[in-house]
Amino acid sequence: PLPAPAPLAADDATVEAIAQAIRSGGKAALLLGGQALREDALLAA
């Protein structure tokens, strides 16, 4: 079998831009799908 590449997380710039959007005070929502609906990801959300 071929080695499976490890998936990457969001880069720092993307994470910070989204953090700023949430901090801005406007009404925000996380729309979760796929792997984001498993226990560890749900707890983080």
PDB file of all heavy atoms in Angstrom:
ATOM      1  N   PRO A   1       0.822  -1.219   0.000  1.00  0.00           N
ATOM      2  CA  PRO A   1       0.000   0.000   0.000  1.00  0.00           C
ATOM      3  C   PRO A   1       0.847   1.256   0.000  1.00  0.00           C
ATOM      4  O   PRO A   1       1.976   1.270   0.519  1.00  0.00           O
ATOM      5  CB  PRO A   1      -0.821  -0.127   1.291  1.00  0.00           C
ATOM      6  CG  PRO A   1      -0.078  -1.096   2.142  1.00  0.00           C
ATOM      7  CD  PRO A   1       0.618  -2.029   1.212  1.00  0.00           C
ATOM      8  N   LEU A   2       0.307   2.299  -0.577  1.00  0.00           N
ATOM      9  CA  LEU A   2       0.987   3.591  -0.593  1.00  0.00           C
ATOM     10  C   LEU A   2       0.786   4.306   0.739  1.00  0.00           C
ATOM     11  O   LEU A   2      -0.269   4.168   1.369  1.00  0.00           O
ATOM     12  CB  LEU A   2       0.435   4.460  -1.725  1.00  0.00           C
ATOM     13  CG  LEU A   2       0.601   3.900  -3.146  1.00  0.00           C
ATOM     14  CD1 LEU A   2      -0.112   4.803  -4.150  1.00  0.00           C
ATOM     15  CD2 LEU A   2       2.073   3.757  -3.502  1.00  0.00           C
ATOM     16  N   PRO A   3       1.755   5.067   1.207  1.00  0.00           N
ATOM     17  CA  PRO A   3       1.574   5.808   2.458  1.00  0.00           C
ATOM     18  C   PRO A   3       0.499   6.872   2.307  1.00  0.00           C
ATOM     19  O   PRO A   3       0.379   7.508   1.262  1.00  0.00           O
ATOM     20  CB  PRO A   3       2.951   6.428   2.708  1.00  0.00           C
ATOM     21  CG  PRO A   3       3.615   6.469   1.363  1.00  0.00           C
ATOM     22  CD  PRO A   3       3.093   5.290   0.607  1.00  0.00           C
ATOM     23  N   ALA A   4      -0.287   7.042   3.365  1.00  0.00           N
ATOM     24  CA  ALA A   4      -1.363   8.035   3.336  1.00  0.00           C
ATOM     25  C   ALA A   4      -0.833   9.366   3.840  1.00  0.00           C
ATOM     26  O   ALA A   4      -0.307   9.444   4.954  1.00  0.00           O
ATOM     27  CB  ALA A   4      -2.524   7.577   4.200  1.00  0.00           C
ATOM     28  N   PRO A   5      -0.945  10.429   3.056  1.00  0.00           N
ATOM     29  CA  PRO A   5      -0.482  11.738   3.531  1.00  0.00           C
ATOM     30  C   PRO A   5      -1.376  12.255   4.652  1.00  0.00           C
ATOM     31  O   PRO A   5      -2.598  12.065   4.630  1.00  0.00           O
ATOM     32  CB  PRO A   5      -0.579  12.629   2.286  1.00  0.00           C
ATOM     33  CG  PRO A   5      -1.615  11.967   1.427  1.00  0.00           C
ATOM     34  CD  PRO A   5      -1.502  10.500   1.693  1.00  0.00           C
ATOM     35  N   ALA A   6      -0.781  12.892   5.635  1.00  0.00           N
ATOM     36  CA  ALA A   6      -1.562  13.457   6.743  1.00  0.00           C
ATOM     37  C   ALA A   6      -2.261  14.724   6.270  1.00  0.00           C
ATOM     38  O   ALA A   6      -1.626  15.600   5.666  1.00  0.00           O
ATOM     39  CB  ALA A   6      -0.642  13.762   7.918  1.00  0.00           C
ATOM     40  N   PRO A   7      -3.559  14.872   6.535  1.00  0.00           N
ATOM     41  CA  PRO A   7      -4.264  16.093   6.122  1.00  0.00           C
ATOM     42  C   PRO A   7      -3.788  17.287   6.948  1.00  0.00           C
ATOM     43  O   PRO A   7      -3.402  17.151   8.114  1.00  0.00           O
ATOM     44  CB  PRO A   7      -5.727  15.774   6.404  1.00  0.00           C
ATOM     45  CG  PRO A   7      -5.689  14.726   7.469  1.00  0.00           C
ATOM     46  CD  PRO A   7      -4.454  13.915   7.212  1.00  0.00           C
ATOM     47  N   LEU A   8      -3.837  18.453   6.355  1.00  0.00           N
ATOM     48  CA  LEU A   8      -3.375  19.670   7.009  1.00  0.00           C
ATOM     49  C   LEU A   8      -4.540  20.399   7.661  1.00  0.00           C
ATOM     50  O   LEU A   8      -5.672  20.374   7.172  1.00  0.00           O
ATOM     51  CB  LEU A   8      -2.699  20.592   5.992  1.00  0.00           C
ATOM     52  CG  LEU A   8      -1.465  20.032   5.275  1.00  0.00           C
ATOM     53  CD1 LEU A   8      -0.977  21.023   4.225  1.00  0.00           C
ATOM     54  CD2 LEU A   8      -0.360  19.716   6.271  1.00  0.00           C
ATOM     55  N   ALA A   9      -4.243  21.060   8.762  1.00  0.00           N
ATOM     56  CA  ALA A   9      -5.223  21.941   9.388  1.00  0.00           C
ATOM     57  C   ALA A   9      -5.242  23.287   8.665  1.00  0.00           C
ATOM     58  O   ALA A   9      -4.363  23.592   7.843  1.00  0.00           O
ATOM     59  CB  ALA A   9      -4.874  22.138  10.864  1.00  0.00           C
ATOM     60  N   ALA A  10      -6.232  24.104   8.974  1.00  0.00           N
ATOM     61  CA  ALA A  10      -6.288  25.459   8.420  1.00  0.00           C
ATOM     62  C   ALA A  10      -5.028  26.233   8.798  1.00  0.00           C
ATOM     63  O   ALA A  10      -4.478  26.044   9.894  1.00  0.00           O
ATOM     64  CB  ALA A  10      -7.514  26.181   8.956  1.00  0.00           C
ATOM     65  N   ASP A  11      -4.553  27.093   7.893  1.00  0.00           N
ATOM     66  CA  ASP A  11      -3.340  27.846   8.194  1.00  0.00           C
ATOM     67  C   ASP A  11      -3.641  28.963   9.197  1.00  0.00           C
ATOM     68  O   ASP A  11      -4.801  29.320   9.452  1.00  0.00           O
ATOM     69  CB  ASP A  11      -2.696  28.403   6.921  1.00  0.00           C
ATOM     70  CG  ASP A  11      -3.621  29.339   6.143  1.00  0.00           C
ATOM     71  OD1 ASP A  11      -4.240  30.222   6.762  1.00  0.00           O
ATOM     72  OD2 ASP A  11      -3.703  29.191   4.917  1.00  0.00           O
ATOM     73  N   ASP A  12      -2.592  29.504   9.762  1.00  0.00           N
ATOM     74  CA  ASP A  12      -2.738  30.494  10.835  1.00  0.00           C
ATOM     75  C   ASP A  12      -3.502  31.734  10.370  1.00  0.00           C
ATOM     76  O   ASP A  12      -4.321  32.287  11.125  1.00  0.00           O
ATOM     77  CB  ASP A  12      -1.360  30.914  11.358  1.00  0.00           C
ATOM     78  CG  ASP A  12      -0.650  29.779  12.069  1.00  0.00           C
ATOM     79  OD1 ASP A  12      -1.323  28.775  12.407  1.00  0.00           O
ATOM     80  OD2 ASP A  12       0.574  29.889  12.296  1.00  0.00           O
ATOM     81  N   ALA A  13      -3.254  32.171   9.138  1.00  0.00           N
ATOM     82  CA  ALA A  13      -3.921  33.378   8.640  1.00  0.00           C
ATOM     83  C   ALA A  13      -5.436  33.166   8.537  1.00  0.00           C
ATOM     84  O   ALA A  13      -6.231  34.055   8.890  1.00  0.00           O
ATOM     85  CB  ALA A  13      -3.347  33.766   7.284  1.00  0.00           C
ATOM     86  N   THR A  14      -5.851  31.990   8.062  1.00  0.00           N
ATOM     87  CA  THR A  14      -7.276  31.692   7.965  1.00  0.00           C
ATOM     88  C   THR A  14      -7.914  31.652   9.345  1.00  0.00           C
ATOM     89  O   THR A  14      -8.996  32.219   9.568  1.00  0.00           O
ATOM     90  CB  THR A  14      -7.485  30.342   7.250  1.00  0.00           C
ATOM     91  OG1 THR A  14      -6.996  30.445   5.908  1.00  0.00           O
ATOM     92  CG2 THR A  14      -8.947  29.949   7.225  1.00  0.00           C
ATOM     93  N   VAL A  15      -7.257  30.981  10.280  1.00  0.00           N
ATOM     94  CA  VAL A  15      -7.791  30.877  11.638  1.00  0.00           C
ATOM     95  C   VAL A  15      -7.939  32.257  12.272  1.00  0.00           C
ATOM     96  O   VAL A  15      -8.971  32.580  12.886  1.00  0.00           O
ATOM     97  CB  VAL A  15      -6.895  29.967  12.501  1.00  0.00           C
ATOM     98  CG1 VAL A  15      -7.317  30.015  13.962  1.00  0.00           C
ATOM     99  CG2 VAL A  15      -6.937  28.536  11.974  1.00  0.00           C
ATOM    100  N   GLU A  16      -6.943  33.116  12.098  1.00  0.00           N
ATOM    101  CA  GLU A  16      -6.996  34.451  12.703  1.00  0.00           C
ATOM    102  C   GLU A  16      -8.081  35.304  12.058  1.00  0.00           C
ATOM    103  O   GLU A  16      -8.794  36.054  12.747  1.00  0.00           O
ATOM    104  CB  GLU A  16      -5.636  35.140  12.590  1.00  0.00           C
ATOM    105  CG  GLU A  16      -5.571  36.505  13.262  1.00  0.00           C
ATOM    106  CD  GLU A  16      -6.024  36.489  14.720  1.00  0.00           C
ATOM    107  OE1 GLU A  16      -5.771  35.478  15.420  1.00  0.00           O
ATOM    108  OE2 GLU A  16      -6.647  37.467  15.160  1.00  0.00           O
ATOM    109  N   ALA A  17      -8.248  35.188  10.742  1.00  0.00           N
ATOM    110  CA  ALA A  17      -9.291  35.966  10.061  1.00  0.00           C
ATOM    111  C   ALA A  17     -10.675  35.558  10.560  1.00  0.00           C
ATOM    112  O   ALA A  17     -11.556  36.414  10.770  1.00  0.00           O
ATOM    113  CB  ALA A  17      -9.181  35.765   8.551  1.00  0.00           C
ATOM    114  N   ILE A  18     -10.881  34.276  10.767  1.00  0.00           N
ATOM    115  CA  ILE A  18     -12.179  33.809  11.257  1.00  0.00           C
ATOM    116  C   ILE A  18     -12.358  34.191  12.724  1.00  0.00           C
ATOM    117  O   ILE A  18     -13.467  34.579  13.145  1.00  0.00           O
ATOM    118  CB  ILE A  18     -12.313  32.289  11.026  1.00  0.00           C
ATOM    119  CG1 ILE A  18     -12.453  32.027   9.517  1.00  0.00           C
ATOM    120  CG2 ILE A  18     -13.491  31.708  11.794  1.00  0.00           C
ATOM    121  CD1 ILE A  18     -12.410  30.579   9.116  1.00  0.00           C
ATOM    122  N   ALA A  19     -11.301  34.119  13.506  1.00  0.00           N
ATOM    123  CA  ALA A  19     -11.387  34.559  14.907  1.00  0.00           C
ATOM    124  C   ALA A  19     -11.784  36.031  14.986  1.00  0.00           C
ATOM    125  O   ALA A  19     -12.616  36.429  15.819  1.00  0.00           O
ATOM    126  CB  ALA A  19     -10.059  34.311  15.614  1.00  0.00           C
ATOM    127  N   GLN A  20     -11.221  36.855  14.109  1.00  0.00           N
ATOM    128  CA  GLN A  20     -11.573  38.274  14.093  1.00  0.00           C
ATOM    129  C   GLN A  20     -13.032  38.474  13.709  1.00  0.00           C
ATOM    130  O   GLN A  20     -13.726  39.333  14.279  1.00  0.00           O
ATOM    131  CB  GLN A  20     -10.664  39.023  13.129  1.00  0.00           C
ATOM    132  CG  GLN A  20      -9.236  39.194  13.640  1.00  0.00           C
ATOM    133  CD  GLN A  20      -8.371  39.963  12.655  1.00  0.00           C
ATOM    134  OE1 GLN A  20      -8.874  40.509  11.669  1.00  0.00           O
ATOM    135  NE2 GLN A  20      -7.068  40.006  12.914  1.00  0.00           N
ATOM    136  N   ALA A  21     -13.511  37.689  12.752  1.00  0.00           N
ATOM    137  CA  ALA A  21     -14.915  37.799  12.356  1.00  0.00           C
ATOM    138  C   ALA A  21     -15.837  37.456  13.523  1.00  0.00           C
ATOM    139  O   ALA A  21     -16.853  38.127  13.754  1.00  0.00           O
ATOM    140  CB  ALA A  21     -15.196  36.874  11.166  1.00  0.00           C
ATOM    141  N   ILE A  22     -15.493  36.427  14.277  1.00  0.00           N
ATOM    142  CA  ILE A  22     -16.310  36.049  15.435  1.00  0.00           C
ATOM    143  C   ILE A  22     -16.241  37.124  16.511  1.00  0.00           C
ATOM    144  O   ILE A  22     -17.260  37.464  17.133  1.00  0.00           O
ATOM    145  CB  ILE A  22     -15.841  34.675  15.980  1.00  0.00           C
ATOM    146  CG1 ILE A  22     -16.172  33.571  14.972  1.00  0.00           C
ATOM    147  CG2 ILE A  22     -16.483  34.378  17.336  1.00  0.00           C
ATOM    148  CD1 ILE A  22     -15.615  32.218  15.328  1.00  0.00           C
ATOM    149  N   ARG A  23     -15.058  37.698  16.712  1.00  0.00           N
ATOM    150  CA  ARG A  23     -14.907  38.740  17.737  1.00  0.00           C
ATOM    151  C   ARG A  23     -15.601  40.048  17.344  1.00  0.00           C
ATOM    152  O   ARG A  23     -15.825  40.908  18.193  1.00  0.00           O
ATOM    153  CB  ARG A  23     -13.413  39.041  17.961  1.00  0.00           C
ATOM    154  CG  ARG A  23     -12.621  37.921  18.604  1.00  0.00           C
ATOM    155  CD  ARG A  23     -11.254  38.454  19.016  1.00  0.00           C
ATOM    156  NE  ARG A  23     -10.287  37.394  19.199  1.00  0.00           N
ATOM    157  CZ  ARG A  23      -9.334  37.066  18.333  1.00  0.00           C
ATOM    158  NH1 ARG A  23      -9.220  37.762  17.199  1.00  0.00           N
ATOM    159  NH2 ARG A  23      -8.504  36.079  18.579  1.00  0.00           N
ATOM    160  N   SER A  24     -15.937  40.199  16.079  1.00  0.00           N
ATOM    161  CA  SER A  24     -16.485  41.471  15.610  1.00  0.00           C
ATOM    162  C   SER A  24     -17.843  41.795  16.212  1.00  0.00           C
ATOM    163  O   SER A  24     -18.301  42.941  16.139  1.00  0.00           O
ATOM    164  CB  SER A  24     -16.589  41.463  14.080  1.00  0.00           C
ATOM    165  OG  SER A  24     -17.623  40.575  13.652  1.00  0.00           O
ATOM    166  N   GLY A  25     -18.500  40.795  16.746  1.00  0.00           N
ATOM    167  CA  GLY A  25     -19.778  41.039  17.406  1.00  0.00           C
ATOM    168  C   GLY A  25     -20.990  40.734  16.559  1.00  0.00           C
ATOM    169  O   GLY A  25     -22.107  40.660  17.085  1.00  0.00           O
ATOM    170  N   GLY A  26     -20.818  40.555  15.247  1.00  0.00           N
ATOM    171  CA  GLY A  26     -21.946  40.180  14.402  1.00  0.00           C
ATOM    172  C   GLY A  26     -22.373  38.749  14.675  1.00  0.00           C
ATOM    173  O   GLY A  26     -21.580  37.921  15.148  1.00  0.00           O
ATOM    174  N   LYS A  27     -23.602  38.438  14.362  1.00  0.00           N
ATOM    175  CA  LYS A  27     -24.115  37.089  14.597  1.00  0.00           C
ATOM    176  C   LYS A  27     -23.382  36.102  13.686  1.00  0.00           C
ATOM    177  O   LYS A  27     -23.349  36.281  12.460  1.00  0.00           O
ATOM    178  CB  LYS A  27     -25.621  37.045  14.326  1.00  0.00           C
ATOM    179  CG  LYS A  27     -26.268  35.724  14.695  1.00  0.00           C
ATOM    180  CD  LYS A  27     -27.781  35.774  14.486  1.00  0.00           C
ATOM    181  CE  LYS A  27     -28.429  34.448  14.829  1.00  0.00           C
ATOM    182  NZ  LYS A  27     -29.894  34.477  14.573  1.00  0.00           N
ATOM    183  N   ALA A  28     -22.786  35.072  14.290  1.00  0.00           N
ATOM    184  CA  ALA A  28     -21.965  34.122  13.529  1.00  0.00           C
ATOM    185  C   ALA A  28     -22.473  32.705  13.753  1.00  0.00           C
ATOM    186  O   ALA A  28     -23.079  32.392  14.782  1.00  0.00           O
ATOM    187  CB  ALA A  28     -20.501  34.220  13.954  1.00  0.00           C
ATOM    188  N   ALA A  29     -22.224  31.855  12.773  1.00  0.00           N
ATOM    189  CA  ALA A  29     -22.602  30.445  12.876  1.00  0.00           C
ATOM    190  C   ALA A  29     -21.509  29.596  12.265  1.00  0.00           C
ATOM    191  O   ALA A  29     -20.891  29.963  11.257  1.00  0.00           O
ATOM    192  CB  ALA A  29     -23.927  30.188  12.174  1.00  0.00           C
ATOM    193  N   LEU A  30     -21.268  28.444  12.889  1.00  0.00           N
ATOM    194  CA  LEU A  30     -20.405  27.412  12.329  1.00  0.00           C
ATOM    195  C   LEU A  30     -21.301  26.384  11.654  1.00  0.00           C
ATOM    196  O   LEU A  30     -22.190  25.809  12.300  1.00  0.00           O
ATOM    197  CB  LEU A  30     -19.584  26.729  13.418  1.00  0.00           C
ATOM    198  CG  LEU A  30     -18.482  27.525  14.104  1.00  0.00           C
ATOM    199  CD1 LEU A  30     -17.936  26.745  15.299  1.00  0.00           C
ATOM    200  CD2 LEU A  30     -17.351  27.830  13.124  1.00  0.00           C
ATOM    201  N   LEU A  31     -21.104  26.138  10.366  1.00  0.00           N
ATOM    202  CA  LEU A  31     -21.840  25.103   9.652  1.00  0.00           C
ATOM    203  C   LEU A  31     -20.928  23.890   9.520  1.00  0.00           C
ATOM    204  O   LEU A  31     -19.922  23.926   8.806  1.00  0.00           O
ATOM    205  CB  LEU A  31     -22.295  25.595   8.279  1.00  0.00           C
ATOM    206  CG  LEU A  31     -23.041  24.579   7.406  1.00  0.00           C
ATOM    207  CD1 LEU A  31     -24.234  23.971   8.140  1.00  0.00           C
ATOM    208  CD2 LEU A  31     -23.492  25.218   6.097  1.00  0.00           C
ATOM    209  N   LEU A  32     -21.278  22.822  10.227  1.00  0.00           N
ATOM    210  CA  LEU A  32     -20.431  21.644  10.346  1.00  0.00           C
ATOM    211  C   LEU A  32     -20.913  20.542   9.418  1.00  0.00           C
ATOM    212  O   LEU A  32     -22.113  20.290   9.290  1.00  0.00           O
ATOM    213  CB  LEU A  32     -20.443  21.130  11.790  1.00  0.00           C
ATOM    214  CG  LEU A  32     -20.174  22.153  12.899  1.00  0.00           C
ATOM    215  CD1 LEU A  32     -20.338  21.503  14.269  1.00  0.00           C
ATOM    216  CD2 LEU A  32     -18.780  22.754  12.751  1.00  0.00           C
ATOM    217  N   GLY A  33     -19.970  19.851   8.802  1.00  0.00           N
ATOM    218  CA  GLY A  33     -20.283  18.695   7.972  1.00  0.00           C
ATOM    219  C   GLY A  33     -19.163  17.683   8.062  1.00  0.00           C
ATOM    220  O   GLY A  33     -18.147  17.904   8.719  1.00  0.00           O
ATOM    221  N   GLY A  34     -19.334  16.550   7.397  1.00  0.00           N
ATOM    222  CA  GLY A  34     -18.278  15.552   7.291  1.00  0.00           C
ATOM    223  C   GLY A  34     -17.633  15.197   8.610  1.00  0.00           C
ATOM    224  O   GLY A  34     -18.295  14.843   9.597  1.00  0.00           O
ATOM    225  N   GLN A  35     -16.289  15.323   8.646  1.00  0.00           N
ATOM    226  CA  GLN A  35     -15.520  14.958   9.837  1.00  0.00           C
ATOM    227  C   GLN A  35     -15.767  15.900  11.009  1.00  0.00           C
ATOM    228  O   GLN A  35     -15.438  15.572  12.146  1.00  0.00           O
ATOM    229  CB  GLN A  35     -14.027  14.944   9.490  1.00  0.00           C
ATOM    230  CG  GLN A  35     -13.637  13.935   8.421  1.00  0.00           C
ATOM    231  CD  GLN A  35     -13.877  12.502   8.857  1.00  0.00           C
ATOM    232  OE1 GLN A  35     -13.563  12.131   9.985  1.00  0.00           O
ATOM    233  NE2 GLN A  35     -14.424  11.689   7.970  1.00  0.00           N
ATOM    234  N   ALA A  36     -16.339  17.048  10.764  1.00  0.00           N
ATOM    235  CA  ALA A  36     -16.598  18.003  11.847  1.00  0.00           C
ATOM    236  C   ALA A  36     -17.774  17.582  12.722  1.00  0.00           C
ATOM    237  O   ALA A  36     -18.030  18.218  13.743  1.00  0.00           O
ATOM    238  CB  ALA A  36     -16.871  19.389  11.267  1.00  0.00           C
ATOM    239  N   LEU A  37     -18.468  16.494  12.357  1.00  0.00           N
ATOM    240  CA  LEU A  37     -19.597  16.022  13.144  1.00  0.00           C
ATOM    241  C   LEU A  37     -19.252  14.793  13.980  1.00  0.00           C
ATOM    242  O   LEU A  37     -20.134  14.086  14.456  1.00  0.00           O
ATOM    243  CB  LEU A  37     -20.793  15.735  12.226  1.00  0.00           C
ATOM    244  CG  LEU A  37     -21.385  16.999  11.585  1.00  0.00           C
ATOM    245  CD1 LEU A  37     -22.404  16.638  10.516  1.00  0.00           C
ATOM    246  CD2 LEU A  37     -22.015  17.904  12.640  1.00  0.00           C
ATOM    247  N   ARG A  38     -17.933  14.560  14.173  1.00  0.00           N
ATOM    248  CA  ARG A  38     -17.465  13.517  15.087  1.00  0.00           C
ATOM    249  C   ARG A  38     -17.173  14.137  16.448  1.00  0.00           C
ATOM    250  O   ARG A  38     -17.002  15.357  16.580  1.00  0.00           O
ATOM    251  CB  ARG A  38     -16.209  12.859  14.536  1.00  0.00           C
ATOM    252  CG  ARG A  38     -16.358  12.292  13.139  1.00  0.00           C
ATOM    253  CD  ARG A  38     -17.350  11.125  13.064  1.00  0.00           C
ATOM    254  NE  ARG A  38     -17.397  10.588  11.719  1.00  0.00           N
ATOM    255  CZ  ARG A  38     -16.574   9.637  11.277  1.00  0.00           C
ATOM    256  NH1 ARG A  38     -15.642   9.132  12.083  1.00  0.00           N
ATOM    257  NH2 ARG A  38     -16.671   9.198  10.042  1.00  0.00           N
ATOM    258  N   GLU A  39     -17.092  13.305  17.474  1.00  0.00           N
ATOM    259  CA  GLU A  39     -17.085  13.768  18.859  1.00  0.00           C
ATOM    260  C   GLU A  39     -16.033  14.834  19.150  1.00  0.00           C
ATOM    261  O   GLU A  39     -16.352  15.898  19.708  1.00  0.00           O
ATOM    262  CB  GLU A  39     -16.883  12.579  19.809  1.00  0.00           C
ATOM    263  CG  GLU A  39     -16.892  12.986  21.273  1.00  0.00           C
ATOM    264  CD  GLU A  39     -16.795  11.812  22.222  1.00  0.00           C
ATOM    265  OE1 GLU A  39     -16.730  10.651  21.750  1.00  0.00           O
ATOM    266  OE2 GLU A  39     -16.780  12.039  23.448  1.00  0.00           O
ATOM    267  N   ASP A  40     -14.772  14.598  18.818  1.00  0.00           N
ATOM    268  CA  ASP A  40     -13.722  15.561  19.178  1.00  0.00           C
ATOM    269  C   ASP A  40     -13.946  16.912  18.503  1.00  0.00           C
ATOM    270  O   ASP A  40     -13.764  17.967  19.127  1.00  0.00           O
ATOM    271  CB  ASP A  40     -12.347  15.007  18.802  1.00  0.00           C
ATOM    272  CG  ASP A  40     -11.925  13.857  19.701  1.00  0.00           C
ATOM    273  OD1 ASP A  40     -12.548  13.680  20.776  1.00  0.00           O
ATOM    274  OD2 ASP A  40     -10.982  13.133  19.343  1.00  0.00           O
ATOM    275  N   ALA A  41     -14.330  16.879  17.236  1.00  0.00           N
ATOM    276  CA  ALA A  41     -14.589  18.127  16.523  1.00  0.00           C
ATOM    277  C   ALA A  41     -15.826  18.826  17.085  1.00  0.00           C
ATOM    278  O   ALA A  41     -15.847  20.059  17.227  1.00  0.00           O
ATOM    279  CB  ALA A  41     -14.768  17.851  15.029  1.00  0.00           C
ATOM    280  N   LEU A  42     -16.850  18.068  17.421  1.00  0.00           N
ATOM    281  CA  LEU A  42     -18.058  18.655  18.008  1.00  0.00           C
ATOM    282  C   LEU A  42     -17.751  19.342  19.336  1.00  0.00           C
ATOM    283  O   LEU A  42     -18.263  20.431  19.624  1.00  0.00           O
ATOM    284  CB  LEU A  42     -19.112  17.571  18.223  1.00  0.00           C
ATOM    285  CG  LEU A  42     -19.841  17.060  16.975  1.00  0.00           C
ATOM    286  CD1 LEU A  42     -20.654  15.823  17.314  1.00  0.00           C
ATOM    287  CD2 LEU A  42     -20.748  18.143  16.393  1.00  0.00           C
ATOM    288  N   LEU A  43     -16.915  18.712  20.153  1.00  0.00           N
ATOM    289  CA  LEU A  43     -16.568  19.313  21.444  1.00  0.00           C
ATOM    290  C   LEU A  43     -15.801  20.625  21.240  1.00  0.00           C
ATOM    291  O   LEU A  43     -16.022  21.601  21.956  1.00  0.00           O
ATOM    292  CB  LEU A  43     -15.753  18.329  22.274  1.00  0.00           C
ATOM    293  CG  LEU A  43     -16.542  17.131  22.824  1.00  0.00           C
ATOM    294  CD1 LEU A  43     -15.595  16.098  23.418  1.00  0.00           C
ATOM    295  CD2 LEU A  43     -17.566  17.588  23.864  1.00  0.00           C
ATOM    296  N   ALA A  44     -14.909  20.647  20.251  1.00  0.00           N
ATOM    297  CA  ALA A  44     -14.181  21.882  19.962  1.00  0.00           C
ATOM    298  C   ALA A  44     -15.149  22.969  19.493  1.00  0.00           C
ATOM    299  O   ALA A  44     -15.078  24.130  19.946  1.00  0.00           O
ATOM    300  CB  ALA A  44     -13.109  21.624  18.906  1.00  0.00           C
ATOM    301  N   ALA A  45     -16.071  22.613  18.616  1.00  0.00           N
ATOM    302  CA  ALA A  45     -17.051  23.595  18.137  1.00  0.00           C
ATOM    303  C   ALA A  45     -17.924  24.087  19.284  1.00  0.00           C
ATOM    304  O   ALA A  45     -18.264  25.285  19.363  1.00  0.00           O
ATOM    305  CB  ALA A  45     -17.909  22.971  17.036  1.00  0.00           C
TER     306      ALA A  45
END
